[in-house]
PDB file of N, CA and C in Angstrom:
ATOM      1  N   MET A   1     103.972  90.548  98.837  1.00  0.00           N
ATOM      2  CA  MET A   1     104.932  91.284  98.557  1.00  0.00           C
ATOM      3  C   MET A   1     105.605  91.951 100.052  1.00  0.00           C
ATOM      4  N   LYS A   2     106.923  92.129  99.977  1.00  0.00           N
ATOM      5  CA  LYS A   2     107.472  92.638 101.073  1.00  0.00           C
ATOM      6  C   LYS A   2     107.420  94.452 100.955  1.00  0.00           C
ATOM      7  N   ILE A   3     107.707  94.850 102.345  1.00  0.00           N
ATOM      8  CA  ILE A   3     107.439  96.226 102.413  1.00  0.00           C
ATOM      9  C   ILE A   3     107.985  97.167 101.406  1.00  0.00           C
ATOM     10  N   GLY A   4     109.143  96.882 100.937  1.00  0.00           N
ATOM     11  CA  GLY A   4     109.766  97.985 100.081  1.00  0.00           C
ATOM     12  C   GLY A   4     108.947  97.574  98.671  1.00  0.00           C
ATOM     13  N   LYS A   5     108.591  96.737  98.214  1.00  0.00           N
ATOM     14  CA  LYS A   5     107.502  96.806  96.816  1.00  0.00           C
ATOM     15  C   LYS A   5     106.318  97.597  97.346  1.00  0.00           C
ATOM     16  N   MET A   6     105.642  97.110  98.591  1.00  0.00           N
ATOM     17  CA  MET A   6     104.440  97.828  98.629  1.00  0.00           C
ATOM     18  C   MET A   6     104.595  99.433  98.629  1.00  0.00           C
ATOM     19  N   ALA A   7     105.699  99.900  99.435  1.00  0.00           N
ATOM     20  CA  ALA A   7     106.019 101.360  99.427  1.00  0.00           C
ATOM     21  C   ALA A   7     106.133 101.765  98.016  1.00  0.00           C
ATOM     22  N   GLU A   8     106.898 101.047  97.246  1.00  0.00           N
ATOM     23  CA  GLU A   8     107.048 101.487  95.838  1.00  0.00           C
ATOM     24  C   GLU A   8     105.705 101.453  95.117  1.00  0.00           C
ATOM     25  N   LYS A   9     104.809 100.524  95.287  1.00  0.00           N
ATOM     26  CA  LYS A   9     103.661 100.469  94.666  1.00  0.00           C
ATOM     27  C   LYS A   9     102.351 101.667  95.196  1.00  0.00           C
ATOM     28  N   THR A  10     102.775 102.041  96.417  1.00  0.00           N
ATOM     29  CA  THR A  10     101.598 102.814  97.028  1.00  0.00           C
ATOM     30  C   THR A  10     102.195 104.460  96.945  1.00  0.00           C
ATOM     31  N   GLY A  11     103.458 104.493  96.926  1.00  0.00           N
ATOM     32  CA  GLY A  11     104.221 105.965  96.794  1.00  0.00           C
ATOM     33  C   GLY A  11     104.281 106.357  98.435  1.00  0.00           C
ATOM     34  N   LEU A  12     104.052 105.578  99.238  1.00  0.00           N
ATOM     35  CA  LEU A  12     104.216 105.896 100.667  1.00  0.00           C
ATOM     36  C   LEU A  12     105.740 105.068 100.965  1.00  0.00           C
ATOM     37  N   SER A  13     106.476 105.582 102.157  1.00  0.00           N
ATOM     38  CA  SER A  13     107.687 105.265 102.717  1.00  0.00           C
ATOM     39  C   SER A  13     107.337 103.983 103.576  1.00  0.00           C
ATOM     40  N   GLU A  14     108.553 103.162 103.688  1.00  0.00           N
ATOM     41  CA  GLU A  14     108.331 102.086 104.722  1.00  0.00           C
ATOM     42  C   GLU A  14     108.003 102.557 105.691  1.00  0.00           C
ATOM     43  N   ASN A  15     108.588 103.692 106.405  1.00  0.00           N
ATOM     44  CA  ASN A  15     108.254 104.182 107.848  1.00  0.00           C
ATOM     45  C   ASN A  15     106.895 104.619 107.867  1.00  0.00           C
ATOM     46  N   THR A  16     105.961 105.090 106.768  1.00  0.00           N
ATOM     47  CA  THR A  16     104.672 105.376 106.866  1.00  0.00           C
ATOM     48  C   THR A  16     103.784 103.964 106.959  1.00  0.00           C
ATOM     49  N   LEU A  17     104.255 103.117 106.272  1.00  0.00           N
ATOM     50  CA  LEU A  17     103.487 101.597 106.612  1.00  0.00           C
ATOM     51  C   LEU A  17     103.472 101.251 107.621  1.00  0.00           C
ATOM     52  N   ARG A  18     104.762 101.330 108.214  1.00  0.00           N
ATOM     53  CA  ARG A  18     105.015 100.633 109.721  1.00  0.00           C
ATOM     54  C   ARG A  18     104.357 101.782 110.707  1.00  0.00           C
ATOM     55  N   TYR A  19     103.960 102.843 110.442  1.00  0.00           N
ATOM     56  CA  TYR A  19     103.081 103.784 111.286  1.00  0.00           C
ATOM     57  C   TYR A  19     101.722 103.475 111.158  1.00  0.00           C
ATOM     58  N   TYR A  20     101.424 102.946 109.802  1.00  0.00           N
ATOM     59  CA  TYR A  20      99.838 102.920 109.521  1.00  0.00           C
ATOM     60  C   TYR A  20      99.568 101.443 110.525  1.00  0.00           C
ATOM     61  N   GLU A  21     100.438 100.608 110.409  1.00  0.00           N
ATOM     62  CA  GLU A  21     100.356  99.195 111.078  1.00  0.00           C
ATOM     63  C   GLU A  21     100.309  99.521 112.598  1.00  0.00           C
ATOM     64  N   LYS A  22     101.136 100.192 113.002  1.00  0.00           N
ATOM     65  CA  LYS A  22     101.262 100.538 114.627  1.00  0.00           C
ATOM     66  C   LYS A  22     100.186 101.142 114.961  1.00  0.00           C
ATOM     67  N   LYS A  23      99.529 102.119 114.002  1.00  0.00           N
ATOM     68  CA  LYS A  23      98.317 102.760 114.525  1.00  0.00           C
ATOM     69  C   LYS A  23      96.835 102.076 114.608  1.00  0.00           C
ATOM     70  N   GLY A  24      97.326 100.708 113.948  1.00  0.00           N
ATOM     71  CA  GLY A  24      95.775 100.078 113.575  1.00  0.00           C
ATOM     72  C   GLY A  24      95.167 100.017 112.086  1.00  0.00           C
ATOM     73  N   LEU A  25      95.629 101.171 111.371  1.00  0.00           N
ATOM     74  CA  LEU A  25      94.940 101.164 109.925  1.00  0.00           C
ATOM     75  C   LEU A  25      95.070 100.042 109.220  1.00  0.00           C
ATOM     76  N   ILE A  26      96.192  99.610 109.198  1.00  0.00           N
ATOM     77  CA  ILE A  26      96.140  98.262 108.457  1.00  0.00           C
ATOM     78  C   ILE A  26      96.749  97.162 109.214  1.00  0.00           C
ATOM     79  N   ARG A  27      96.431  96.132 108.967  1.00  0.00           N
ATOM     80  CA  ARG A  27      96.798  94.487 109.502  1.00  0.00           C
ATOM     81  C   ARG A  27      97.543  94.115 108.536  1.00  0.00           C
ATOM     82  N   VAL A  28      98.641  93.748 108.514  1.00  0.00           N
ATOM     83  CA  VAL A  28      99.591  92.806 107.853  1.00  0.00           C
ATOM     84  C   VAL A  28      99.750  91.379 108.228  1.00  0.00           C
ATOM     85  N   LYS A  29      99.527  90.572 107.212  1.00  0.00           N
ATOM     86  CA  LYS A  29      99.944  89.311 107.555  1.00  0.00           C
ATOM     87  C   LYS A  29     101.642  89.232 107.459  1.00  0.00           C
ATOM     88  N   ARG A  30     101.995  87.932 108.074  1.00  0.00           N
ATOM     89  CA  ARG A  30     103.589  87.983 108.230  1.00  0.00           C
ATOM     90  C   ARG A  30     103.802  86.312 107.766  1.00  0.00           C
ATOM     91  N   ASP A  31     104.993  86.231 107.293  1.00  0.00           N
ATOM     92  CA  ASP A  31     105.691  85.180 106.987  1.00  0.00           C
ATOM     93  C   ASP A  31     106.283  84.563 108.224  1.00  0.00           C
ATOM     94  N   ARG A  32     106.491  83.053 107.994  1.00  0.00           N
ATOM     95  CA  ARG A  32     106.995  82.408 109.059  1.00  0.00           C
ATOM     96  C   ARG A  32     108.446  83.012 109.834  1.00  0.00           C
ATOM     97  N   TYR A  33     109.053  83.927 109.230  1.00  0.00           N
ATOM     98  CA  TYR A  33     110.302  85.000 109.492  1.00  0.00           C
ATOM     99  C   TYR A  33     109.529  85.990 110.281  1.00  0.00           C
ATOM    100  N   GLN A  34     108.315  86.326 110.209  1.00  0.00           N
ATOM    101  CA  GLN A  34     107.762  87.559 110.830  1.00  0.00           C
ATOM    102  C   GLN A  34     108.165  88.799 109.976  1.00  0.00           C
ATOM    103  N   ARG A  35     108.484  88.449 108.669  1.00  0.00           N
ATOM    104  CA  ARG A  35     108.289  89.677 107.614  1.00  0.00           C
ATOM    105  C   ARG A  35     106.855  89.583 107.243  1.00  0.00           C
ATOM    106  N   ARG A  36     106.710  91.161 106.911  1.00  0.00           N
ATOM    107  CA  ARG A  36     105.481  91.573 106.442  1.00  0.00           C
ATOM    108  C   ARG A  36     105.373  91.017 105.107  1.00  0.00           C
ATOM    109  N   ILE A  37     104.003  90.697 105.006  1.00  0.00           N
ATOM    110  CA  ILE A  37     103.843  90.044 103.382  1.00  0.00           C
ATOM    111  C   ILE A  37     102.434  90.909 103.239  1.00  0.00           C
ATOM    112  N   TYR A  38     102.394  92.102 102.219  1.00  0.00           N
ATOM    113  CA  TYR A  38     101.343  92.630 101.893  1.00  0.00           C
ATOM    114  C   TYR A  38     100.762  91.997 100.436  1.00  0.00           C
ATOM    115  N   SER A  39      99.378  92.270 100.195  1.00  0.00           N
ATOM    116  CA  SER A  39      98.486  91.655  99.402  1.00  0.00           C
ATOM    117  C   SER A  39      98.295  92.725  98.378  1.00  0.00           C
ATOM    118  N   GLU A  40      97.516  92.651  97.293  1.00  0.00           N
ATOM    119  CA  GLU A  40      97.212  93.380  96.180  1.00  0.00           C
ATOM    120  C   GLU A  40      95.840  94.310  97.041  1.00  0.00           C
ATOM    121  N   GLN A  41      95.161  93.604  97.966  1.00  0.00           N
ATOM    122  CA  GLN A  41      93.934  94.055  98.782  1.00  0.00           C
ATOM    123  C   GLN A  41      94.600  95.298  99.635  1.00  0.00           C
ATOM    124  N   ASP A  42      95.553  95.097  99.885  1.00  0.00           N
ATOM    125  CA  ASP A  42      96.426  95.988 101.142  1.00  0.00           C
ATOM    126  C   ASP A  42      96.707  97.064 100.112  1.00  0.00           C
ATOM    127  N   ILE A  43      96.971  97.012  99.093  1.00  0.00           N
ATOM    128  CA  ILE A  43      97.431  98.206  98.302  1.00  0.00           C
ATOM    129  C   ILE A  43      96.405  99.223  98.001  1.00  0.00           C
ATOM    130  N   ALA A  44      95.080  98.413  97.348  1.00  0.00           N
ATOM    131  CA  ALA A  44      93.860  99.117  97.593  1.00  0.00           C
ATOM    132  C   ALA A  44      93.495 100.087  98.654  1.00  0.00           C
ATOM    133  N   TRP A  45      93.647  99.301  99.692  1.00  0.00           N
ATOM    134  CA  TRP A  45      93.065  99.760 101.106  1.00  0.00           C
ATOM    135  C   TRP A  45      94.278 100.855 101.470  1.00  0.00           C
ATOM    136  N   VAL A  46      95.295 100.798 101.287  1.00  0.00           N
ATOM    137  CA  VAL A  46      96.137 101.966 101.694  1.00  0.00           C
ATOM    138  C   VAL A  46      96.085 103.027 100.650  1.00  0.00           C
ATOM    139  N   GLN A  47      95.479 102.895  99.722  1.00  0.00           N
ATOM    140  CA  GLN A  47      95.431 103.941  98.683  1.00  0.00           C
ATOM    141  C   GLN A  47      93.924 104.496  99.330  1.00  0.00           C
ATOM    142  N   PHE A  48      93.210 103.925  99.531  1.00  0.00           N
ATOM    143  CA  PHE A  48      91.937 104.330 100.230  1.00  0.00           C
ATOM    144  C   PHE A  48      92.189 105.128 101.297  1.00  0.00           C
ATOM    145  N   ILE A  49      92.839 104.781 102.292  1.00  0.00           N
ATOM    146  CA  ILE A  49      93.422 105.531 103.452  1.00  0.00           C
ATOM    147  C   ILE A  49      93.759 106.977 102.905  1.00  0.00           C
ATOM    148  N   GLN A  50      94.772 106.782 101.927  1.00  0.00           N
ATOM    149  CA  GLN A  50      95.489 108.057 101.598  1.00  0.00           C
ATOM    150  C   GLN A  50      94.559 109.015 101.105  1.00  0.00           C
ATOM    151  N   ARG A  51      93.484 108.580 100.125  1.00  0.00           N
ATOM    152  CA  ARG A  51      92.565 109.262  99.800  1.00  0.00           C
ATOM    153  C   ARG A  51      91.660 110.284 100.818  1.00  0.00           C
ATOM    154  N   LEU A  52      91.236 109.361 101.846  1.00  0.00           N
ATOM    155  CA  LEU A  52      90.628 109.586 103.111  1.00  0.00           C
ATOM    156  C   LEU A  52      91.280 111.164 103.504  1.00  0.00           C
ATOM    157  N   LYS A  53      92.680 110.614 103.853  1.00  0.00           N
ATOM    158  CA  LYS A  53      93.604 111.659 104.515  1.00  0.00           C
ATOM    159  C   LYS A  53      93.682 113.094 103.309  1.00  0.00           C
ATOM    160  N   ASP A  54      93.863 112.576 102.153  1.00  0.00           N
ATOM    161  CA  ASP A  54      93.709 113.762 101.394  1.00  0.00           C
ATOM    162  C   ASP A  54      92.692 114.534 100.877  1.00  0.00           C
ATOM    163  N   MET A  55      91.667 113.964 101.747  1.00  0.00           N
ATOM    164  CA  MET A  55      90.160 114.824 101.591  1.00  0.00           C
ATOM    165  C   MET A  55      89.785 115.183 102.719  1.00  0.00           C
ATOM    166  N   GLY A  56      90.947 115.329 103.810  1.00  0.00           N
ATOM    167  CA  GLY A  56      90.666 115.945 105.048  1.00  0.00           C
ATOM    168  C   GLY A  56      90.222 115.264 106.283  1.00  0.00           C
ATOM    169  N   MET A  57      89.929 113.892 106.084  1.00  0.00           N
ATOM    170  CA  MET A  57      89.673 112.761 107.187  1.00  0.00           C
ATOM    171  C   MET A  57      90.547 112.830 108.267  1.00  0.00           C
ATOM    172  N   LEU A  58      89.903 112.990 109.504  1.00  0.00           N
ATOM    173  CA  LEU A  58      90.913 113.149 110.674  1.00  0.00           C
ATOM    174  C   LEU A  58      91.381 111.611 110.851  1.00  0.00           C
ATOM    175  N   LEU A  59      92.861 111.389 111.433  1.00  0.00           N
ATOM    176  CA  LEU A  59      93.319 110.169 111.489  1.00  0.00           C
ATOM    177  C   LEU A  59      92.486 109.174 112.412  1.00  0.00           C
ATOM    178  N   ARG A  60      91.835 110.055 113.605  1.00  0.00           N
ATOM    179  CA  ARG A  60      90.865 109.264 114.510  1.00  0.00           C
ATOM    180  C   ARG A  60      89.878 108.465 113.723  1.00  0.00           C
ATOM    181  N   ASP A  61      89.288 109.457 112.805  1.00  0.00           N
ATOM    182  CA  ASP A  61      88.198 108.702 111.911  1.00  0.00           C
ATOM    183  C   ASP A  61      88.570 107.595 111.275  1.00  0.00           C
ATOM    184  N   ILE A  62      89.658 108.015 110.656  1.00  0.00           N
ATOM    185  CA  ILE A  62      90.282 106.883 109.701  1.00  0.00           C
ATOM    186  C   ILE A  62      90.566 105.446 110.228  1.00  0.00           C
ATOM    187  N   HIS A  63      90.965 105.658 111.586  1.00  0.00           N
ATOM    188  CA  HIS A  63      91.290 104.560 112.497  1.00  0.00           C
ATOM    189  C   HIS A  63      89.921 104.030 112.863  1.00  0.00           C
ATOM    190  N   ARG A  64      88.904 104.681 113.227  1.00  0.00           N
ATOM    191  CA  ARG A  64      87.579 104.035 113.502  1.00  0.00           C
ATOM    192  C   ARG A  64      86.781 103.573 111.972  1.00  0.00           C
ATOM    193  N   TYR A  65      87.061 103.952 111.028  1.00  0.00           N
ATOM    194  CA  TYR A  65      86.794 103.321 109.592  1.00  0.00           C
ATOM    195  C   TYR A  65      87.301 101.979 109.541  1.00  0.00           C
ATOM    196  N   ALA A  66      88.765 102.150 109.662  1.00  0.00           N
ATOM    197  CA  ALA A  66      89.559 100.744 109.634  1.00  0.00           C
ATOM    198  C   ALA A  66      88.947  99.750 110.546  1.00  0.00           C
ATOM    199  N   GLU A  67      88.886 100.134 111.860  1.00  0.00           N
ATOM    200  CA  GLU A  67      88.311  98.886 112.891  1.00  0.00           C
ATOM    201  C   GLU A  67      87.083  98.333 112.208  1.00  0.00           C
ATOM    202  N   LEU A  68      86.080  99.221 111.872  1.00  0.00           N
ATOM    203  CA  LEU A  68      84.904  98.731 111.392  1.00  0.00           C
ATOM    204  C   LEU A  68      85.230  97.671 110.098  1.00  0.00           C
ATOM    205  N   ARG A  69      86.137  98.222 109.277  1.00  0.00           N
ATOM    206  CA  ARG A  69      86.570  97.453 108.011  1.00  0.00           C
ATOM    207  C   ARG A  69      86.456  95.846 108.369  1.00  0.00           C
ATOM    208  N   TYR A  70      87.613  96.121 109.110  1.00  0.00           N
ATOM    209  CA  TYR A  70      88.325  94.592 109.855  1.00  0.00           C
ATOM    210  C   TYR A  70      87.173  93.944 110.460  1.00  0.00           C
ATOM    211  N   GLN A  71      86.039  94.420 110.757  1.00  0.00           N
ATOM    212  CA  GLN A  71      84.941  93.638 111.598  1.00  0.00           C
ATOM    213  C   GLN A  71      84.284  93.035 110.789  1.00  0.00           C
ATOM    214  N   GLY A  72      84.411  93.507 109.181  1.00  0.00           N
ATOM    215  CA  GLY A  72      83.384  92.723 108.387  1.00  0.00           C
ATOM    216  C   GLY A  72      82.228  93.399 107.818  1.00  0.00           C
ATOM    217  N   ASP A  73      81.292  92.834 107.050  1.00  0.00           N
ATOM    218  CA  ASP A  73      80.306  93.198 106.534  1.00  0.00           C
ATOM    219  C   ASP A  73      79.188  93.689 107.443  1.00  0.00           C
ATOM    220  N   SER A  74      78.989  93.278 108.623  1.00  0.00           N
ATOM    221  CA  SER A  74      78.217  93.567 109.481  1.00  0.00           C
ATOM    222  C   SER A  74      78.162  95.024 110.202  1.00  0.00           C
ATOM    223  N   THR A  75      79.442  95.764 109.387  1.00  0.00           N
ATOM    224  CA  THR A  75      79.701  97.271 109.739  1.00  0.00           C
ATOM    225  C   THR A  75      79.474  98.152 108.771  1.00  0.00           C
ATOM    226  N   LEU A  76      78.847  97.525 107.641  1.00  0.00           N
ATOM    227  CA  LEU A  76      78.750  98.457 106.241  1.00  0.00           C
ATOM    228  C   LEU A  76      77.731  99.597 106.206  1.00  0.00           C
ATOM    229  N   VAL A  77      76.613  99.222 107.357  1.00  0.00           N
ATOM    230  CA  VAL A  77      75.917 100.721 107.236  1.00  0.00           C
ATOM    231  C   VAL A  77      76.707 101.847 108.078  1.00  0.00           C
ATOM    232  N   GLU A  78      77.329 101.319 109.084  1.00  0.00           N
ATOM    233  CA  GLU A  78      78.166 102.463 109.766  1.00  0.00           C
ATOM    234  C   GLU A  78      79.216 103.139 109.138  1.00  0.00           C
ATOM    235  N   ARG A  79      79.909 102.166 108.356  1.00  0.00           N
ATOM    236  CA  ARG A  79      80.749 102.836 107.376  1.00  0.00           C
ATOM    237  C   ARG A  79      80.522 103.790 106.238  1.00  0.00           C
ATOM    238  N   MET A  80      79.355 103.115 105.662  1.00  0.00           N
ATOM    239  CA  MET A  80      78.586 104.097 104.847  1.00  0.00           C
ATOM    240  C   MET A  80      78.187 105.481 105.220  1.00  0.00           C
ATOM    241  N   THR A  81      77.848 105.594 106.684  1.00  0.00           N
ATOM    242  CA  THR A  81      77.019 106.611 107.360  1.00  0.00           C
ATOM    243  C   THR A  81      78.571 107.625 107.536  1.00  0.00           C
ATOM    244  N   MET A  82      79.693 107.175 107.769  1.00  0.00           N
ATOM    245  CA  MET A  82      80.656 107.647 108.103  1.00  0.00           C
ATOM    246  C   MET A  82      81.098 108.560 106.761  1.00  0.00           C
ATOM    247  N   LEU A  83      81.169 107.813 105.668  1.00  0.00           N
ATOM    248  CA  LEU A  83      81.619 108.284 104.282  1.00  0.00           C
ATOM    249  C   LEU A  83      80.523 109.241 104.182  1.00  0.00           C
ATOM    250  N   GLN A  84      79.324 109.157 104.399  1.00  0.00           N
ATOM    251  CA  GLN A  84      78.396 110.198 103.879  1.00  0.00           C
ATOM    252  C   GLN A  84      78.208 111.648 104.560  1.00  0.00           C
ATOM    253  N   HIS A  85      78.638 111.437 106.022  1.00  0.00           N
ATOM    254  CA  HIS A  85      78.964 112.658 106.702  1.00  0.00           C
ATOM    255  C   HIS A  85      80.262 113.328 106.461  1.00  0.00           C
ATOM    256  N   HIS A  86      81.477 112.354 105.899  1.00  0.00           N
ATOM    257  CA  HIS A  86      82.780 113.102 105.555  1.00  0.00           C
ATOM    258  C   HIS A  86      82.381 113.394 103.975  1.00  0.00           C
ATOM    259  N   ARG A  87      81.526 113.114 103.274  1.00  0.00           N
ATOM    260  CA  ARG A  87      81.224 113.674 102.022  1.00  0.00           C
ATOM    261  C   ARG A  87      80.543 114.942 102.307  1.00  0.00           C
ATOM    262  N   GLU A  88      79.562 115.148 103.305  1.00  0.00           N
ATOM    263  CA  GLU A  88      79.090 116.554 103.367  1.00  0.00           C
ATOM    264  C   GLU A  88      80.275 117.727 103.936  1.00  0.00           C
ATOM    265  N   TYR A  89      81.412 117.060 104.589  1.00  0.00           N
ATOM    266  CA  TYR A  89      82.331 117.916 104.917  1.00  0.00           C
ATOM    267  C   TYR A  89      83.055 118.313 103.693  1.00  0.00           C
ATOM    268  N   VAL A  90      83.249 117.932 102.919  1.00  0.00           N
ATOM    269  CA  VAL A  90      83.853 117.681 101.569  1.00  0.00           C
ATOM    270  C   VAL A  90      83.242 118.889 100.777  1.00  0.00           C
ATOM    271  N   LEU A  91      82.164 118.495 100.731  1.00  0.00           N
ATOM    272  CA  LEU A  91      81.225 119.325  99.827  1.00  0.00           C
ATOM    273  C   LEU A  91      81.296 120.954 100.358  1.00  0.00           C
ATOM    274  N   ALA A  92      81.048 121.219 101.728  1.00  0.00           N
ATOM    275  CA  ALA A  92      81.261 122.179 102.486  1.00  0.00           C
ATOM    276  C   ALA A  92      82.588 123.090 102.303  1.00  0.00           C
ATOM    277  N   GLN A  93      83.940 122.078 102.397  1.00  0.00           N
ATOM    278  CA  GLN A  93      85.288 122.753 101.855  1.00  0.00           C
ATOM    279  C   GLN A  93      85.140 123.202 100.536  1.00  0.00           C
ATOM    280  N   GLN A  94      84.790 122.280  99.639  1.00  0.00           N
ATOM    281  CA  GLN A  94      84.552 122.869  98.299  1.00  0.00           C
ATOM    282  C   GLN A  94      83.886 124.167  98.013  1.00  0.00           C
ATOM    283  N   ARG A  95      82.959 124.150  98.646  1.00  0.00           N
ATOM    284  CA  ARG A  95      82.017 125.491  98.615  1.00  0.00           C
ATOM    285  C   ARG A  95      82.812 126.823  99.221  1.00  0.00           C
ATOM    286  N   LYS A  96      83.359 126.371 100.319  1.00  0.00           N
ATOM    287  CA  LYS A  96      84.569 127.496 100.911  1.00  0.00           C
ATOM    288  C   LYS A  96      85.546 127.937  99.910  1.00  0.00           C
ATOM    289  N   TRP A  97      86.025 126.861  99.483  1.00  0.00           N
ATOM    290  CA  TRP A  97      87.426 127.328  98.312  1.00  0.00           C
ATOM    291  C   TRP A  97      86.680 127.791  96.871  1.00  0.00           C
ATOM    292  N   GLN A  98      85.674 127.569  96.753  1.00  0.00           N
ATOM    293  CA  GLN A  98      85.125 128.170  95.604  1.00  0.00           C
ATOM    294  C   GLN A  98      84.927 129.581  95.813  1.00  0.00           C
ATOM    295  N   GLU A  99      84.270 130.011  97.049  1.00  0.00           N
ATOM    296  CA  GLU A  99      84.015 131.311  97.362  1.00  0.00           C
ATOM    297  C   GLU A  99      85.463 132.008  97.591  1.00  0.00           C
ATOM    298  N   HIS A 100      86.571 131.533  97.991  1.00  0.00           N
ATOM    299  CA  HIS A 100      87.877 132.062  98.207  1.00  0.00           C
ATOM    300  C   HIS A 100      88.172 132.279  96.803  1.00  0.00           C
ATOM    301  N   LEU A 101      88.086 131.426  95.849  1.00  0.00           N
ATOM    302  CA  LEU A 101      88.592 131.565  94.354  1.00  0.00           C
ATOM    303  C   LEU A 101      87.837 132.841  93.793  1.00  0.00           C
ATOM    304  N   ALA A 102      86.501 132.888  93.815  1.00  0.00           N
ATOM    305  CA  ALA A 102      85.850 133.914  93.314  1.00  0.00           C
ATOM    306  C   ALA A 102      86.585 135.363  93.830  1.00  0.00           C
ATOM    307  N   LYS A 103      86.850 135.265  94.993  1.00  0.00           N
ATOM    308  CA  LYS A 103      87.228 136.786  95.971  1.00  0.00           C
ATOM    309  C   LYS A 103      88.411 136.823  95.201  1.00  0.00           C
ATOM    310  N   LEU A 104      89.476 135.833  94.900  1.00  0.00           N
ATOM    311  CA  LEU A 104      90.538 136.082  94.288  1.00  0.00           C
ATOM    312  C   LEU A 104      90.641 136.285  92.914  1.00  0.00           C
ATOM    313  N   ASP A 105      89.455 135.992  92.312  1.00  0.00           N
ATOM    314  CA  ASP A 105      89.214 136.201  90.921  1.00  0.00           C
ATOM    315  C   ASP A 105      88.973 137.812  90.405  1.00  0.00           C
ATOM    316  N   LYS A 106      88.258 138.248  91.627  1.00  0.00           N
ATOM    317  CA  LYS A 106      87.660 139.679  91.542  1.00  0.00           C
ATOM    318  C   LYS A 106      88.828 140.663  91.966  1.00  0.00           C
ATOM    319  N   LYS A 107      89.805 140.330  92.886  1.00  0.00           N
ATOM    320  CA  LYS A 107      91.050 141.059  93.126  1.00  0.00           C
ATOM    321  C   LYS A 107      91.901 141.017  91.710  1.00  0.00           C
ATOM    322  N   ILE A 108      92.024 140.088  91.341  1.00  0.00           N
ATOM    323  CA  ILE A 108      92.884 140.006  90.255  1.00  0.00           C
ATOM    324  C   ILE A 108      92.274 140.767  88.869  1.00  0.00           C
ATOM    325  N   ASP A 109      91.178 140.814  88.494  1.00  0.00           N
ATOM    326  CA  ASP A 109      90.340 141.653  87.838  1.00  0.00           C
ATOM    327  C   ASP A 109      90.758 143.184  88.108  1.00  0.00           C
ATOM    328  N   ILE A 110      90.522 143.228  89.159  1.00  0.00           N
ATOM    329  CA  ILE A 110      90.665 144.734  89.794  1.00  0.00           C
ATOM    330  C   ILE A 110      92.262 145.208  89.118  1.00  0.00           C
ATOM    331  N   TYR A 111      93.188 144.376  89.606  1.00  0.00           N
ATOM    332  CA  TYR A 111      94.444 144.956  89.033  1.00  0.00           C
ATOM    333  C   TYR A 111      94.781 144.853  87.383  1.00  0.00           C
ATOM    334  N   ARG A 112      94.004 143.998  86.827  1.00  0.00           N
ATOM    335  CA  ARG A 112      94.117 143.917  85.354  1.00  0.00           C
ATOM    336  C   ARG A 112      93.435 145.237  84.548  1.00  0.00           C
ATOM    337  N   HIS A 113      92.406 145.513  85.359  1.00  0.00           N
ATOM    338  CA  HIS A 113      91.776 146.692  84.959  1.00  0.00           C
ATOM    339  C   HIS A 113      92.513 147.965  85.215  1.00  0.00           C
ATOM    340  N   LYS A 114      93.184 147.876  86.079  1.00  0.00           N
ATOM    341  CA  LYS A 114      94.395 149.259  86.531  1.00  0.00           C
ATOM    342  C   LYS A 114      95.531 149.256  85.705  1.00  0.00           C
ATOM    343  N   LEU A 115      95.898 147.967  85.248  1.00  0.00           N
ATOM    344  CA  LEU A 115      96.833 147.890  84.204  1.00  0.00           C
ATOM    345  C   LEU A 115      96.673 148.248  82.810  1.00  0.00           C
ATOM    346  N   ILE A 116      95.310 148.157  82.704  1.00  0.00           N
ATOM    347  CA  ILE A 116      94.821 148.641  80.869  1.00  0.00           C
ATOM    348  C   ILE A 116      95.057 150.112  80.919  1.00  0.00           C
TER     349      ILE A 116
END
């Protein structure tokens, strides 16, 4: 599929897809006219990249993960380790936000009691 369709399917702009390619996050096949040709696997990969970004993974770490992915199955252990470390980060962030939410709820309860 061409870049416009890829943008539509992933919800990312064509410029973002080109940026991802320029930064080495995705490797896109080209046709004989040098137009980008995306596959269904590319859709899944770009969606995974987006999830990593949404979970707070740094672009340099996503880039490293992408490099390893393109090297093949010999890098599975290193990729799994990266994801395990990032999982710990996500859990720590989740705990932090739960603490913030609890403090916010306490403040709201204070105001509620003053209004009664």
